[in-house]
Amino acid sequence: MNQFNLSFSPLLPSSILIGFGVLALIVVALGIYARRRGAWLRALGLGLLLLALADRSLVREDRAGLKDVVAVVVDQSGSQTIGERQAQTEKPEL
């Protein structure tokens, strides 16, 4: 079974990335408010820069199911002669 996941392993702490994001949002908002040329291009550049710092990657995992195997261990030592232990050991449980 193939599975795809988007993985983030930031190069900087999350608080710093969030701070940069807020700062970038303020810069872009001021540029749009002042009707500066290239404000949308700056927004795209700053967004791509933040994505690069977030170090995102697409991870593909190939998984295969395994057979269910169980090891059954039966105690046949001398301690089985105490009380009703022998009957409990021989009793089949499913």
PDB file of N, CA and C in Angstrom:
ATOM      1  N   MET A   1       0.845  -1.159   0.000  1.00  0.00           N
ATOM      2  CA  MET A   1       0.000   0.000   0.000  1.00  0.00           C
ATOM      3  C   MET A   1       0.902   1.237   0.000  1.00  0.00           C
ATOM      4  N   ASN A   2       0.661   2.135  -0.955  1.00  0.00           N
ATOM      5  CA  ASN A   2       1.409   3.387  -1.025  1.00  0.00           C
ATOM      6  C   ASN A   2       0.647   4.468  -0.293  1.00  0.00           C
ATOM      7  N   GLN A   3       1.370   5.296   0.427  1.00  0.00           N
ATOM      8  CA  GLN A   3       0.751   6.376   1.176  1.00  0.00           C
ATOM      9  C   GLN A   3       1.621   7.616   1.038  1.00  0.00           C
ATOM     10  N   PHE A   4       0.980   8.754   0.767  1.00  0.00           N
ATOM     11  CA  PHE A   4       1.686  10.018   0.637  1.00  0.00           C
ATOM     12  C   PHE A   4       1.346  10.919   1.818  1.00  0.00           C
ATOM     13  N   ASN A   5       2.359  11.552   2.379  1.00  0.00           N
ATOM     14  CA  ASN A   5       2.191  12.483   3.490  1.00  0.00           C
ATOM     15  C   ASN A   5       3.009  13.734   3.225  1.00  0.00           C
ATOM     16  N   LEU A   6       2.502  14.868   3.705  1.00  0.00           N
ATOM     17  CA  LEU A   6       3.254  16.107   3.640  1.00  0.00           C
ATOM     18  C   LEU A   6       3.942  16.290   4.984  1.00  0.00           C
ATOM     19  N   SER A   7       5.256  16.368   4.962  1.00  0.00           N
ATOM     20  CA  SER A   7       6.032  16.423   6.196  1.00  0.00           C
ATOM     21  C   SER A   7       6.700  17.789   6.332  1.00  0.00           C
ATOM     22  N   PHE A   8       6.652  18.346   7.539  1.00  0.00           N
ATOM     23  CA  PHE A   8       7.320  19.600   7.835  1.00  0.00           C
ATOM     24  C   PHE A   8       8.385  19.350   8.901  1.00  0.00           C
ATOM     25  N   SER A   9       9.594  19.772   8.609  1.00  0.00           N
ATOM     26  CA  SER A   9      10.662  19.737   9.618  1.00  0.00           C
ATOM     27  C   SER A   9      11.393  21.079   9.526  1.00  0.00           C
ATOM     28  N   PRO A  10      10.849  22.089  10.197  1.00  0.00           N
ATOM     29  CA  PRO A  10      11.357  23.462  10.053  1.00  0.00           C
ATOM     30  C   PRO A  10      12.829  23.600  10.430  1.00  0.00           C
ATOM     31  N   LEU A  11      13.490  24.497   9.704  1.00  0.00           N
ATOM     32  CA  LEU A  11      14.882  24.789   9.990  1.00  0.00           C
ATOM     33  C   LEU A  11      15.016  25.739  11.180  1.00  0.00           C
ATOM     34  N   LEU A  12      13.930  26.451  11.472  1.00  0.00           N
ATOM     35  CA  LEU A  12      13.892  27.396  12.597  1.00  0.00           C
ATOM     36  C   LEU A  12      12.748  27.011  13.522  1.00  0.00           C
ATOM     37  N   PRO A  13      12.773  27.452  14.767  1.00  0.00           N
ATOM     38  CA  PRO A  13      11.645  27.173  15.665  1.00  0.00           C
ATOM     39  C   PRO A  13      10.339  27.771  15.121  1.00  0.00           C
ATOM     40  N   SER A  14       9.228  27.151  15.475  1.00  0.00           N
ATOM     41  CA  SER A  14       7.923  27.577  14.962  1.00  0.00           C
ATOM     42  C   SER A  14       7.599  29.015  15.335  1.00  0.00           C
ATOM     43  N   SER A  15       7.985  29.451  16.518  1.00  0.00           N
ATOM     44  CA  SER A  15       7.679  30.824  16.939  1.00  0.00           C
ATOM     45  C   SER A  15       8.369  31.848  16.031  1.00  0.00           C
ATOM     46  N   ILE A  16       9.580  31.562  15.610  1.00  0.00           N
ATOM     47  CA  ILE A  16      10.292  32.475  14.712  1.00  0.00           C
ATOM     48  C   ILE A  16       9.638  32.480  13.335  1.00  0.00           C
ATOM     49  N   LEU A  17       9.245  31.301  12.847  1.00  0.00           N
ATOM     50  CA  LEU A  17       8.556  31.232  11.559  1.00  0.00           C
ATOM     51  C   LEU A  17       7.237  31.994  11.588  1.00  0.00           C
ATOM     52  N   ILE A  18       6.491  31.868  12.671  1.00  0.00           N
ATOM     53  CA  ILE A  18       5.230  32.599  12.804  1.00  0.00           C
ATOM     54  C   ILE A  18       5.497  34.100  12.844  1.00  0.00           C
ATOM     55  N   GLY A  19       6.547  34.504  13.550  1.00  0.00           N
ATOM     56  CA  GLY A  19       6.927  35.923  13.591  1.00  0.00           C
ATOM     57  C   GLY A  19       7.272  36.454  12.207  1.00  0.00           C
ATOM     58  N   PHE A  20       8.057  35.683  11.447  1.00  0.00           N
ATOM     59  CA  PHE A  20       8.376  36.085  10.080  1.00  0.00           C
ATOM     60  C   PHE A  20       7.114  36.168   9.225  1.00  0.00           C
ATOM     61  N   GLY A  21       6.198  35.233   9.423  1.00  0.00           N
ATOM     62  CA  GLY A  21       4.951  35.239   8.666  1.00  0.00           C
ATOM     63  C   GLY A  21       4.113  36.465   8.956  1.00  0.00           C
ATOM     64  N   VAL A  22       4.021  36.833  10.223  1.00  0.00           N
ATOM     65  CA  VAL A  22       3.255  38.034  10.604  1.00  0.00           C
ATOM     66  C   VAL A  22       3.922  39.279  10.033  1.00  0.00           C
ATOM     67  N   LEU A  23       5.249  39.345  10.122  1.00  0.00           N
ATOM     68  CA  LEU A  23       5.985  40.476   9.575  1.00  0.00           C
ATOM     69  C   LEU A  23       5.787  40.571   8.062  1.00  0.00           C
ATOM     70  N   ALA A  24       5.852  39.445   7.371  1.00  0.00           N
ATOM     71  CA  ALA A  24       5.644  39.431   5.928  1.00  0.00           C
ATOM     72  C   ALA A  24       4.228  39.868   5.576  1.00  0.00           C
ATOM     73  N   LEU A  25       3.264  39.436   6.359  1.00  0.00           N
ATOM     74  CA  LEU A  25       1.874  39.828   6.127  1.00  0.00           C
ATOM     75  C   LEU A  25       1.697  41.337   6.304  1.00  0.00           C
ATOM     76  N   ILE A  26       2.346  41.906   7.294  1.00  0.00           N
ATOM     77  CA  ILE A  26       2.269  43.355   7.508  1.00  0.00           C
ATOM     78  C   ILE A  26       2.904  44.108   6.342  1.00  0.00           C
ATOM     79  N   VAL A  27       4.072  43.654   5.893  1.00  0.00           N
ATOM     80  CA  VAL A  27       4.754  44.307   4.775  1.00  0.00           C
ATOM     81  C   VAL A  27       3.897  44.254   3.516  1.00  0.00           C
ATOM     82  N   VAL A  28       3.313  43.100   3.228  1.00  0.00           N
ATOM     83  CA  VAL A  28       2.487  42.961   2.036  1.00  0.00           C
ATOM     84  C   VAL A  28       1.211  43.790   2.163  1.00  0.00           C
ATOM     85  N   ALA A  29       0.593  43.791   3.351  1.00  0.00           N
ATOM     86  CA  ALA A  29      -0.629  44.574   3.542  1.00  0.00           C
ATOM     87  C   ALA A  29      -0.353  46.069   3.363  1.00  0.00           C
ATOM     88  N   LEU A  30       0.778  46.546   3.886  1.00  0.00           N
ATOM     89  CA  LEU A  30       1.132  47.953   3.693  1.00  0.00           C
ATOM     90  C   LEU A  30       1.385  48.270   2.221  1.00  0.00           C
ATOM     91  N   GLY A  31       2.007  47.356   1.531  1.00  0.00           N
ATOM     92  CA  GLY A  31       2.257  47.558   0.098  1.00  0.00           C
ATOM     93  C   GLY A  31       0.976  47.596  -0.711  1.00  0.00           C
ATOM     94  N   ILE A  32       0.033  46.738  -0.374  1.00  0.00           N
ATOM     95  CA  ILE A  32      -1.252  46.733  -1.076  1.00  0.00           C
ATOM     96  C   ILE A  32      -2.044  47.984  -0.725  1.00  0.00           C
ATOM     97  N   TYR A  33      -2.011  48.389   0.549  1.00  0.00           N
ATOM     98  CA  TYR A  33      -2.741  49.584   0.984  1.00  0.00           C
ATOM     99  C   TYR A  33      -2.201  50.841   0.288  1.00  0.00           C
ATOM    100  N   ALA A  34      -0.874  50.900   0.144  1.00  0.00           N
ATOM    101  CA  ALA A  34      -0.252  52.057  -0.506  1.00  0.00           C
ATOM    102  C   ALA A  34      -0.275  51.936  -2.023  1.00  0.00           C
ATOM    103  N   ARG A  35      -0.838  50.866  -2.528  1.00  0.00           N
ATOM    104  CA  ARG A  35      -0.934  50.607  -3.978  1.00  0.00           C
ATOM    105  C   ARG A  35       0.430  50.644  -4.649  1.00  0.00           C
ATOM    106  N   ARG A  36       1.378  49.995  -4.004  1.00  0.00           N
ATOM    107  CA  ARG A  36       2.727  49.901  -4.548  1.00  0.00           C
ATOM    108  C   ARG A  36       2.754  48.845  -5.638  1.00  0.00           C
ATOM    109  N   ARG A  37       3.533  49.130  -6.661  1.00  0.00           N
ATOM    110  CA  ARG A  37       3.676  48.142  -7.737  1.00  0.00           C
ATOM    111  C   ARG A  37       4.476  46.950  -7.222  1.00  0.00           C
ATOM    112  N   GLY A  38       4.075  45.772  -7.581  1.00  0.00           N
ATOM    113  CA  GLY A  38       4.808  44.570  -7.209  1.00  0.00           C
ATOM    114  C   GLY A  38       4.473  44.033  -5.833  1.00  0.00           C
ATOM    115  N   ALA A  39       3.426  44.546  -5.212  1.00  0.00           N
ATOM    116  CA  ALA A  39       3.074  44.066  -3.868  1.00  0.00           C
ATOM    117  C   ALA A  39       2.692  42.590  -3.903  1.00  0.00           C
ATOM    118  N   TRP A  40       1.950  42.193  -4.932  1.00  0.00           N
ATOM    119  CA  TRP A  40       1.545  40.773  -5.028  1.00  0.00           C
ATOM    120  C   TRP A  40       2.745  39.891  -5.327  1.00  0.00           C
ATOM    121  N   LEU A  41       3.696  40.415  -6.079  1.00  0.00           N
ATOM    122  CA  LEU A  41       4.914  39.655  -6.359  1.00  0.00           C
ATOM    123  C   LEU A  41       5.747  39.494  -5.082  1.00  0.00           C
ATOM    124  N   ARG A  42       5.796  40.528  -4.261  1.00  0.00           N
ATOM    125  CA  ARG A  42       6.473  40.431  -2.968  1.00  0.00           C
ATOM    126  C   ARG A  42       5.784  39.402  -2.070  1.00  0.00           C
ATOM    127  N   ALA A  43       4.441  39.410  -2.104  1.00  0.00           N
ATOM    128  CA  ALA A  43       3.685  38.435  -1.304  1.00  0.00           C
ATOM    129  C   ALA A  43       4.032  37.017  -1.732  1.00  0.00           C
ATOM    130  N   LEU A  44       4.108  36.791  -3.027  1.00  0.00           N
ATOM    131  CA  LEU A  44       4.461  35.459  -3.531  1.00  0.00           C
ATOM    132  C   LEU A  44       5.875  35.081  -3.107  1.00  0.00           C
ATOM    133  N   GLY A  45       6.812  36.012  -3.233  1.00  0.00           N
ATOM    134  CA  GLY A  45       8.200  35.739  -2.852  1.00  0.00           C
ATOM    135  C   GLY A  45       8.350  35.446  -1.369  1.00  0.00           C
ATOM    136  N   LEU A  46       7.680  36.265  -0.535  1.00  0.00           N
ATOM    137  CA  LEU A  46       7.772  36.032   0.912  1.00  0.00           C
ATOM    138  C   LEU A  46       7.099  34.715   1.305  1.00  0.00           C
ATOM    139  N   GLY A  47       5.998  34.370   0.647  1.00  0.00           N
ATOM    140  CA  GLY A  47       5.329  33.097   0.923  1.00  0.00           C
ATOM    141  C   GLY A  47       6.213  31.913   0.562  1.00  0.00           C
ATOM    142  N   LEU A  48       6.878  32.007  -0.595  1.00  0.00           N
ATOM    143  CA  LEU A  48       7.784  30.924  -0.996  1.00  0.00           C
ATOM    144  C   LEU A  48       8.982  30.823  -0.059  1.00  0.00           C
ATOM    145  N   LEU A  49       9.463  31.960   0.421  1.00  0.00           N
ATOM    146  CA  LEU A  49      10.568  31.955   1.373  1.00  0.00           C
ATOM    147  C   LEU A  49      10.163  31.276   2.684  1.00  0.00           C
ATOM    148  N   LEU A  50       8.959  31.583   3.165  1.00  0.00           N
ATOM    149  CA  LEU A  50       8.476  30.940   4.397  1.00  0.00           C
ATOM    150  C   LEU A  50       8.287  29.437   4.200  1.00  0.00           C
ATOM    151  N   LEU A  51       7.791  29.031   3.034  1.00  0.00           N
ATOM    152  CA  LEU A  51       7.651  27.590   2.753  1.00  0.00           C
ATOM    153  C   LEU A  51       9.008  26.903   2.705  1.00  0.00           C
ATOM    154  N   ALA A  52      10.008  27.589   2.155  1.00  0.00           N
ATOM    155  CA  ALA A  52      11.352  27.004   2.103  1.00  0.00           C
ATOM    156  C   ALA A  52      11.924  26.844   3.510  1.00  0.00           C
ATOM    157  N   LEU A  53      11.688  27.831   4.378  1.00  0.00           N
ATOM    158  CA  LEU A  53      12.181  27.728   5.751  1.00  0.00           C
ATOM    159  C   LEU A  53      11.446  26.651   6.544  1.00  0.00           C
ATOM    160  N   ALA A  54      10.201  26.356   6.154  1.00  0.00           N
ATOM    161  CA  ALA A  54       9.434  25.311   6.834  1.00  0.00           C
ATOM    162  C   ALA A  54       9.929  23.920   6.440  1.00  0.00           C
ATOM    163  N   ASP A  55      10.731  23.839   5.383  1.00  0.00           N
ATOM    164  CA  ASP A  55      11.333  22.579   4.920  1.00  0.00           C
ATOM    165  C   ASP A  55      10.284  21.488   4.737  1.00  0.00           C
ATOM    166  N   ARG A  56       9.288  21.785   3.922  1.00  0.00           N
ATOM    167  CA  ARG A  56       8.245  20.797   3.666  1.00  0.00           C
ATOM    168  C   ARG A  56       8.736  19.808   2.621  1.00  0.00           C
ATOM    169  N   SER A  57       8.218  18.598   2.686  1.00  0.00           N
ATOM    170  CA  SER A  57       8.564  17.568   1.710  1.00  0.00           C
ATOM    171  C   SER A  57       7.423  16.568   1.615  1.00  0.00           C
ATOM    172  N   LEU A  58       7.285  15.999   0.444  1.00  0.00           N
ATOM    173  CA  LEU A  58       6.270  14.979   0.203  1.00  0.00           C
ATOM    174  C   LEU A  58       6.929  13.621   0.423  1.00  0.00           C
ATOM    175  N   VAL A  59       6.376  12.847   1.358  1.00  0.00           N
ATOM    176  CA  VAL A  59       6.956  11.559   1.725  1.00  0.00           C
ATOM    177  C   VAL A  59       6.057  10.447   1.198  1.00  0.00           C
ATOM    178  N   ARG A  60       6.635   9.529   0.448  1.00  0.00           N
ATOM    179  CA  ARG A  60       5.891   8.371  -0.037  1.00  0.00           C
ATOM    180  C   ARG A  60       6.356   7.146   0.726  1.00  0.00           C
ATOM    181  N   GLU A  61       5.403   6.448   1.327  1.00  0.00           N
ATOM    182  CA  GLU A  61       5.727   5.252   2.100  1.00  0.00           C
ATOM    183  C   GLU A  61       5.155   4.028   1.384  1.00  0.00           C
ATOM    184  N   ASP A  62       5.989   3.026   1.211  1.00  0.00           N
ATOM    185  CA  ASP A  62       5.539   1.747   0.669  1.00  0.00           C
ATOM    186  C   ASP A  62       5.398   0.789   1.838  1.00  0.00           C
ATOM    187  N   ARG A  63       4.182   0.365   2.074  1.00  0.00           N
ATOM    188  CA  ARG A  63       3.931  -0.531   3.201  1.00  0.00           C
ATOM    189  C   ARG A  63       3.335  -1.830   2.692  1.00  0.00           C
ATOM    190  N   ALA A  64       3.746  -2.904   3.311  1.00  0.00           N
ATOM    191  CA  ALA A  64       3.203  -4.222   2.986  1.00  0.00           C
ATOM    192  C   ALA A  64       2.762  -4.882   4.284  1.00  0.00           C
ATOM    193  N   GLY A  65       1.613  -5.517   4.221  1.00  0.00           N
ATOM    194  CA  GLY A  65       1.111  -6.207   5.406  1.00  0.00           C
ATOM    195  C   GLY A  65       1.946  -7.429   5.725  1.00  0.00           C
ATOM    196  N   LEU A  66       2.064  -7.722   6.986  1.00  0.00           N
ATOM    197  CA  LEU A  66       2.804  -8.896   7.428  1.00  0.00           C
ATOM    198  C   LEU A  66       1.829  -9.964   7.902  1.00  0.00           C
ATOM    199  N   LYS A  67       2.266 -11.189   7.831  1.00  0.00           N
ATOM    200  CA  LYS A  67       1.444 -12.279   8.328  1.00  0.00           C
ATOM    201  C   LYS A  67       1.349 -12.180   9.844  1.00  0.00           C
ATOM    202  N   ASP A  68       0.200 -12.577  10.365  1.00  0.00           N
ATOM    203  CA  ASP A  68       0.025 -12.597  11.810  1.00  0.00           C
ATOM    204  C   ASP A  68       0.600 -13.892  12.362  1.00  0.00           C
ATOM    205  N   VAL A  69       1.665 -13.782  13.111  1.00  0.00           N
ATOM    206  CA  VAL A  69       2.326 -14.939  13.697  1.00  0.00           C
ATOM    207  C   VAL A  69       2.387 -14.734  15.198  1.00  0.00           C
ATOM    208  N   VAL A  70       1.987 -15.751  15.931  1.00  0.00           N
ATOM    209  CA  VAL A  70       1.992 -15.670  17.383  1.00  0.00           C
ATOM    210  C   VAL A  70       2.762 -16.861  17.944  1.00  0.00           C
ATOM    211  N   ALA A  71       3.635 -16.591  18.883  1.00  0.00           N
ATOM    212  CA  ALA A  71       4.359 -17.665  19.551  1.00  0.00           C
ATOM    213  C   ALA A  71       3.591 -18.030  20.819  1.00  0.00           C
ATOM    214  N   VAL A  72       3.336 -19.322  21.004  1.00  0.00           N
ATOM    215  CA  VAL A  72       2.630 -19.800  22.189  1.00  0.00           C
ATOM    216  C   VAL A  72       3.631 -20.577  23.034  1.00  0.00           C
ATOM    217  N   VAL A  73       3.768 -20.176  24.288  1.00  0.00           N
ATOM    218  CA  VAL A  73       4.693 -20.816  25.212  1.00  0.00           C
ATOM    219  C   VAL A  73       3.875 -21.431  26.335  1.00  0.00           C
ATOM    220  N   VAL A  74       4.083 -22.722  26.564  1.00  0.00           N
ATOM    221  CA  VAL A  74       3.357 -23.426  27.615  1.00  0.00           C
ATOM    222  C   VAL A  74       4.350 -23.815  28.713  1.00  0.00           C
ATOM    223  N   ASP A  75       4.007 -23.438  29.935  1.00  0.00           N
ATOM    224  CA  ASP A  75       4.851 -23.734  31.092  1.00  0.00           C
ATOM    225  C   ASP A  75       4.580 -25.160  31.557  1.00  0.00           C
ATOM    226  N   GLN A  76       5.604 -26.005  31.519  1.00  0.00           N
ATOM    227  CA  GLN A  76       5.459 -27.380  32.005  1.00  0.00           C
ATOM    228  C   GLN A  76       6.476 -27.653  33.109  1.00  0.00           C
ATOM    229  N   SER A  77       6.800 -26.648  33.864  1.00  0.00           N
ATOM    230  CA  SER A  77       7.771 -26.810  34.935  1.00  0.00           C
ATOM    231  C   SER A  77       7.089 -27.386  36.176  1.00  0.00           C
ATOM    232  N   GLY A  78       7.856 -27.642  37.200  1.00  0.00           N
ATOM    233  CA  GLY A  78       7.347 -28.224  38.435  1.00  0.00           C
ATOM    234  C   GLY A  78       6.364 -27.323  39.161  1.00  0.00           C
ATOM    235  N   SER A  79       6.387 -26.051  38.890  1.00  0.00           N
ATOM    236  CA  SER A  79       5.465 -25.137  39.570  1.00  0.00           C
ATOM    237  C   SER A  79       4.023 -25.336  39.109  1.00  0.00           C
ATOM    238  N   GLN A  80       3.812 -26.096  38.063  1.00  0.00           N
ATOM    239  CA  GLN A  80       2.454 -26.347  37.571  1.00  0.00           C
ATOM    240  C   GLN A  80       1.687 -27.317  38.465  1.00  0.00           C
ATOM    241  N   THR A  81       2.374 -27.971  39.408  1.00  0.00           N
ATOM    242  CA  THR A  81       1.692 -28.909  40.310  1.00  0.00           C
ATOM    243  C   THR A  81       1.028 -28.200  41.486  1.00  0.00           C
ATOM    244  N   ILE A  82       1.203 -26.912  41.634  1.00  0.00           N
ATOM    245  CA  ILE A  82       0.611 -26.148  42.737  1.00  0.00           C
ATOM    246  C   ILE A  82      -0.829 -25.790  42.379  1.00  0.00           C
ATOM    247  N   GLY A  83      -1.739 -26.169  43.220  1.00  0.00           N
ATOM    248  CA  GLY A  83      -3.147 -25.799  43.047  1.00  0.00           C
ATOM    249  C   GLY A  83      -3.737 -26.302  41.734  1.00  0.00           C
ATOM    250  N   GLU A  84      -4.485 -25.444  41.077  1.00  0.00           N
ATOM    251  CA  GLU A  84      -5.169 -25.817  39.833  1.00  0.00           C
ATOM    252  C   GLU A  84      -4.455 -25.278  38.600  1.00  0.00           C
ATOM    253  N   ARG A  85      -3.188 -25.043  38.713  1.00  0.00           N
ATOM    254  CA  ARG A  85      -2.443 -24.464  37.595  1.00  0.00           C
ATOM    255  C   ARG A  85      -2.423 -25.390  36.379  1.00  0.00           C
ATOM    256  N   GLN A  86      -2.283 -26.689  36.589  1.00  0.00           N
ATOM    257  CA  GLN A  86      -2.219 -27.636  35.471  1.00  0.00           C
ATOM    258  C   GLN A  86      -3.506 -27.592  34.665  1.00  0.00           C
ATOM    259  N   ALA A  87      -4.652 -27.545  35.338  1.00  0.00           N
ATOM    260  CA  ALA A  87      -5.947 -27.486  34.637  1.00  0.00           C
ATOM    261  C   ALA A  87      -6.082 -26.177  33.874  1.00  0.00           C
ATOM    262  N   GLN A  88      -5.608 -25.079  34.466  1.00  0.00           N
ATOM    263  CA  GLN A  88      -5.694 -23.789  33.792  1.00  0.00           C
ATOM    264  C   GLN A  88      -4.800 -23.763  32.557  1.00  0.00           C
ATOM    265  N   THR A  89      -3.646 -24.394  32.631  1.00  0.00           N
ATOM    266  CA  THR A  89      -2.729 -24.425  31.493  1.00  0.00           C
ATOM    267  C   THR A  89      -3.294 -25.240  30.347  1.00  0.00           C
ATOM    268  N   GLU A  90      -3.943 -26.364  30.653  1.00  0.00           N
ATOM    269  CA  GLU A  90      -4.475 -27.252  29.633  1.00  0.00           C
ATOM    270  C   GLU A  90      -5.807 -26.761  29.064  1.00  0.00           C
ATOM    271  N   LYS A  91      -6.457 -25.842  29.721  1.00  0.00           N
ATOM    272  CA  LYS A  91      -7.748 -25.328  29.270  1.00  0.00           C
ATOM    273  C   LYS A  91      -7.539 -24.481  28.011  1.00  0.00           C
ATOM    274  N   PRO A  92      -8.186 -24.870  26.881  1.00  0.00           N
ATOM    275  CA  PRO A  92      -8.012 -24.096  25.642  1.00  0.00           C
ATOM    276  C   PRO A  92      -8.800 -22.785  25.711  1.00  0.00           C
ATOM    277  N   GLU A  93      -8.162 -21.704  25.357  1.00  0.00           N
ATOM    278  CA  GLU A  93      -8.829 -20.388  25.330  1.00  0.00           C
ATOM    279  C   GLU A  93      -8.629 -19.795  23.940  1.00  0.00           C
ATOM    280  N   LEU A  94      -9.708 -19.316  23.381  1.00  0.00           N
ATOM    281  CA  LEU A  94      -9.633 -18.698  22.045  1.00  0.00           C
ATOM    282  C   LEU A  94     -10.025 -17.276  22.086  1.00  0.00           C
TER     283      LEU A  94
END
